[in-house]
Protein backbone atom coordinates (compact mmCIF):
# COMPACT_ATOMS: atom_id res chain seq x y z
CA MET A 1 3.70 -19.13 -11.91
CA LYS A 2 1.27 -20.22 -9.22
CA SER A 3 2.42 -20.49 -5.62
CA SER A 4 2.47 -23.87 -3.92
CA ASN A 5 5.14 -23.66 -1.21
CA SER A 6 7.07 -20.45 -0.87
CA THR A 7 6.79 -17.14 -2.62
CA ILE A 8 9.34 -14.46 -1.77
CA LEU A 9 8.81 -10.84 -2.70
CA SER A 10 12.09 -8.92 -3.10
CA ILE A 11 12.17 -5.13 -3.00
CA ASP A 12 15.14 -2.94 -3.94
CA THR A 13 14.70 0.83 -3.99
CA ALA A 14 18.26 1.76 -3.00
CA GLN A 15 19.26 2.98 -6.47
CA SER A 16 17.91 6.37 -7.40
CA SER A 17 17.44 5.49 -11.07
CA VAL A 18 15.64 2.14 -10.88
CA THR A 19 13.16 0.32 -8.63
CA LYS A 20 13.36 -3.48 -8.60
CA VAL A 21 10.75 -5.99 -7.54
CA GLY A 22 11.54 -9.68 -7.63
CA ILE A 23 9.27 -12.67 -7.16
CA THR A 24 10.79 -16.03 -6.31
CA CYS A 25 8.32 -18.88 -6.38
CA ASN A 26 9.64 -22.40 -5.81
CA GLU A 27 13.17 -21.58 -7.02
CA HIS A 28 11.92 -19.72 -10.12
CA LYS A 29 12.85 -16.01 -9.95
CA LYS A 30 11.41 -13.22 -12.06
CA GLU A 31 12.53 -9.59 -11.73
CA TYR A 32 10.62 -6.47 -12.73
CA LEU A 33 12.31 -3.08 -13.15
CA LEU A 34 10.94 0.42 -13.30
CA LYS A 35 13.15 3.35 -14.27
CA THR A 36 12.55 6.09 -11.74
CA ASP A 37 13.80 9.59 -11.25
CA SER A 38 11.62 10.40 -8.27
CA HIS A 39 8.30 9.44 -6.73
CA ARG A 40 9.47 5.95 -5.74
CA SER A 41 6.95 6.04 -2.93
CA GLN A 42 4.15 6.38 -5.49
CA ASN A 43 5.53 3.82 -7.95
CA LEU A 44 6.51 0.90 -5.72
CA LEU A 45 3.11 -0.50 -4.73
CA PRO A 46 1.72 -0.36 -8.30
CA LEU A 47 4.90 -2.16 -9.48
CA ILE A 48 4.42 -4.86 -6.82
CA ILE A 49 0.75 -5.30 -7.75
CA ASP A 50 1.56 -5.45 -11.46
CA SER A 51 4.36 -7.98 -10.85
CA LEU A 52 2.08 -10.23 -8.80
CA GLN A 53 -0.67 -10.06 -11.42
CA LYS A 54 1.77 -10.98 -14.21
CA GLU A 55 2.72 -14.08 -12.22
CA SER A 56 -0.93 -14.93 -11.42
CA LEU A 57 -0.29 -14.35 -7.71
CA SER A 58 -1.91 -12.28 -4.99
CA PHE A 59 -0.64 -10.75 -1.75
CA SER A 60 -1.93 -13.79 0.16
CA ASP A 61 0.50 -16.01 -1.80
CA ILE A 62 3.56 -14.17 -0.44
CA THR A 63 5.28 -16.12 2.34
CA GLU A 64 8.28 -13.84 2.95
CA ILE A 65 9.62 -10.42 2.00
CA GLU A 66 13.25 -9.53 1.37
CA VAL A 67 14.13 -5.85 1.19
CA SER A 68 17.45 -4.23 0.33
CA CYS A 69 18.81 -2.18 3.21
CA GLY A 70 21.43 -0.41 1.08
CA PRO A 71 23.91 0.93 0.51
CA GLY A 72 22.23 3.49 -1.65
CA SER A 73 19.81 6.36 -1.60
CA PHE A 74 18.62 7.03 1.95
CA THR A 75 15.15 8.13 0.89
CA GLY A 76 14.79 5.30 -1.61
CA THR A 77 15.89 2.70 0.94
CA ARG A 78 13.52 4.16 3.51
CA VAL A 79 10.60 3.86 1.06
CA GLY A 80 11.38 0.20 0.31
CA VAL A 81 11.88 -0.75 3.96
CA SER A 82 8.71 1.06 5.04
CA ILE A 83 6.54 -0.65 2.45
CA ALA A 84 8.15 -4.04 3.16
CA ASN A 85 7.50 -3.64 6.90
CA ALA A 86 3.90 -2.52 6.33
CA LEU A 87 3.22 -5.49 4.05
CA GLY A 88 4.96 -7.88 6.44
CA TRP A 89 2.87 -6.66 9.34
CA ALA A 90 -0.41 -6.71 7.37
CA LEU A 91 0.23 -10.17 5.90
CA HIS A 92 1.76 -11.63 9.09
CA ILE A 93 4.92 -12.73 7.26
CA PRO A 94 8.62 -12.19 7.99
CA VAL A 95 10.66 -9.37 6.48
CA ASN A 96 14.35 -10.20 6.02
CA GLY A 97 13.77 -13.27 8.17
CA LYS A 98 12.21 -11.45 11.13
CA SER A 99 8.61 -11.10 12.24
CA ILE A 100 7.20 -7.61 12.61
CA ALA A 101 6.36 -7.07 16.27
CA VAL A 102 3.59 -4.75 17.35
CA PRO A 103 4.62 -2.73 20.41
CA GLN A 104 2.79 -3.54 23.60
CA TYR A 105 2.01 -0.55 25.80
CA ARG A 106 1.12 -0.50 29.44
CA SER A 107 -2.35 0.69 30.22
CA SER A 108 -2.70 4.11 31.76
CA LYS A 109 -5.42 5.86 33.66
CA PHE A 110 -6.60 7.31 30.33
CA ASP A 111 -7.35 3.90 28.72
């Protein structure tokens, strides 16, 4: 599935036994699952990359990210939200409908 308008990446790491990545491209949704017992932080990005490649997409095709905020495993949710926010910031796209803002700091005498 090649992107033409909108491509949404969905991330759900709230369950401790499975990691889910979904790709919605122009109303067509495909979901990829990976059974996990631990190491979600090491498995999520390879699952996202593999999912995009299977759909003939790249990170630049993603227009929005949706991430599950729970309820569920605290650590698992934190992993999913952290990766979603990092990708959103790097790709300049919204996460759960909001742009990622970079904090602005006042200059100090040490700058």
